[in-house]
Amino acid sequence: MKAAGLHHVSINVADVGAAREFYLSALGLEVRPDRPEFSFDGAWLNVGGQQVHLIHAEVPEQLGQHFALRVDDLDEAVSSLRALGYEVTDPVAVGRNRQSFLDDPSGNRVELQEVSSGQ
């Protein structure tokens, strides 16, 4: 088997409304209107041709798990998020790329990754 690509990432959140607002307003994701009716609250979001699914469920202990969003300008992203009151780590180089981290309202870790040209 060879996977063809990443379809979606699911994230457990304590408060779907607060998480939805964070991912839409702070990070610029968009709502997918095609989420079926499930027996649990949640939201489906679009980002760069991929999906992030928010699921109302117990949030697991932070043990290093996270997902990364690619950004074009990390310094601008960090500055914008800090202006909104979010705590974001200072950008650091990782190989030829740069990264920063912040937490969503449920404490899920989100990486912001600026990819150097050619990657």
Protein backbone atom coordinates (compact mmCIF):
# COMPACT_ATOMS: atom_id res chain seq x y z
CA MET A 1 0.00 0.00 0.00
CA LYS A 2 1.12 3.52 -0.70
CA ALA A 3 -0.84 6.41 0.80
CA ALA A 4 -1.90 9.01 -1.77
CA GLY A 5 -1.85 11.96 0.63
CA LEU A 6 -3.23 13.36 3.84
CA HIS A 7 -7.04 13.67 3.92
CA HIS A 8 -7.67 15.19 7.35
CA VAL A 9 -6.48 15.61 10.92
CA SER A 10 -8.94 15.22 13.81
CA ILE A 11 -8.45 17.21 16.99
CA ASN A 12 -10.31 16.67 20.26
CA VAL A 13 -11.49 19.97 21.74
CA ALA A 14 -13.22 20.81 25.00
CA ASP A 15 -15.28 23.68 23.51
CA VAL A 16 -16.14 23.41 19.81
CA GLY A 17 -17.29 27.04 19.58
CA ALA A 18 -14.09 28.44 21.07
CA ALA A 19 -11.92 26.12 18.96
CA ARG A 20 -13.88 26.94 15.80
CA GLU A 21 -13.47 30.68 16.43
CA PHE A 22 -9.72 30.24 17.02
CA TYR A 23 -9.12 28.22 13.86
CA LEU A 24 -11.29 30.54 11.73
CA SER A 25 -10.36 33.97 13.11
CA ALA A 26 -6.79 33.50 14.30
CA LEU A 27 -5.50 30.96 11.79
CA GLY A 28 -7.68 31.66 8.76
CA LEU A 29 -9.20 28.21 8.17
CA GLU A 30 -12.62 28.01 6.52
CA VAL A 31 -15.75 26.04 7.45
CA ARG A 32 -16.64 23.02 5.32
CA PRO A 33 -20.43 22.97 4.89
CA ASP A 34 -20.62 19.20 4.26
CA ARG A 35 -20.17 17.83 7.80
CA PRO A 36 -22.75 15.07 8.33
CA GLU A 37 -24.98 14.96 11.41
CA PHE A 38 -23.05 12.97 14.00
CA SER A 39 -24.00 12.06 17.56
CA PHE A 40 -21.28 14.44 18.83
CA ASP A 41 -20.58 18.14 18.28
CA GLY A 42 -17.78 19.21 15.99
CA ALA A 43 -16.75 21.14 12.91
CA TRP A 44 -14.98 20.39 9.65
CA LEU A 45 -12.57 23.04 8.41
CA ASN A 46 -10.53 23.57 5.23
CA VAL A 47 -6.90 24.63 5.09
CA GLY A 48 -4.80 24.61 1.92
CA GLY A 49 -6.71 21.77 0.26
CA GLN A 50 -6.68 19.63 3.43
CA GLN A 51 -9.14 19.27 6.29
CA VAL A 52 -9.03 19.74 10.05
CA HIS A 53 -11.87 18.08 11.98
CA LEU A 54 -12.73 19.40 15.44
CA ILE A 55 -14.36 16.82 17.69
CA HIS A 56 -15.99 17.56 21.03
CA ALA A 57 -14.27 14.99 23.23
CA GLU A 58 -11.81 14.73 26.09
CA VAL A 59 -8.55 16.39 25.15
CA PRO A 60 -5.56 14.07 25.63
CA GLU A 61 -2.61 15.02 27.78
CA GLN A 62 0.02 17.01 25.87
CA LEU A 63 2.82 14.54 25.12
CA GLY A 64 4.36 16.21 22.09
CA GLN A 65 1.55 15.55 19.62
CA HIS A 66 0.80 18.45 17.29
CA PHE A 67 0.08 19.30 13.70
CA ALA A 68 1.73 21.92 11.54
CA LEU A 69 0.24 24.60 9.32
CA ARG A 70 2.45 25.97 6.57
CA VAL A 71 2.63 29.78 6.46
CA ASP A 72 4.24 32.01 3.85
CA ASP A 73 5.59 34.61 6.31
CA LEU A 74 6.24 33.31 9.82
CA ASP A 75 7.24 36.69 11.25
CA GLU A 76 3.96 38.23 10.05
CA ALA A 77 1.95 35.27 11.37
CA VAL A 78 3.59 35.47 14.81
CA SER A 79 3.12 39.25 14.95
CA SER A 80 -0.56 39.00 13.95
CA LEU A 81 -1.29 36.28 16.49
CA ARG A 82 0.47 38.16 19.27
CA ALA A 83 -1.53 41.29 18.40
CA LEU A 84 -4.67 39.18 18.96
CA GLY A 85 -3.36 38.20 22.41
CA TYR A 86 -2.08 34.69 21.67
CA GLU A 87 1.17 33.40 23.11
CA VAL A 88 3.40 32.23 20.27
CA THR A 89 6.97 31.01 20.57
CA ASP A 90 9.70 32.99 18.85
CA PRO A 91 10.56 31.65 15.38
CA VAL A 92 13.48 29.22 15.30
CA ALA A 93 15.35 27.67 12.42
CA VAL A 94 14.90 23.97 11.78
CA GLY A 95 17.16 22.99 8.95
CA ARG A 96 16.31 25.36 6.09
CA ASN A 97 12.83 26.08 7.48
CA ARG A 98 11.53 28.07 10.47
CA GLN A 99 8.86 27.23 13.04
CA SER A 100 6.85 28.65 15.94
CA PHE A 101 4.26 27.05 18.22
CA LEU A 102 1.06 28.07 19.96
CA ASP A 103 -1.83 26.29 21.68
CA ASP A 104 -5.49 26.31 20.70
CA PRO A 105 -8.12 27.08 23.39
CA SER A 106 -8.16 23.38 24.45
CA GLY A 107 -4.37 23.21 24.79
CA ASN A 108 -3.70 21.38 21.51
CA ARG A 109 -0.29 22.31 20.11
CA VAL A 110 -0.21 23.93 16.66
CA GLU A 111 3.03 24.42 14.78
CA LEU A 112 3.44 27.22 12.25
CA GLN A 113 6.01 26.20 9.64
CA GLU A 114 7.61 28.54 7.12
CA VAL A 115 9.09 26.42 4.35
CA SER A 116 12.08 27.80 2.47
CA SER A 117 11.70 28.05 -1.28
CA GLY A 118 12.52 24.86 -3.12
CA GLN A 119 10.92 22.53 -0.55
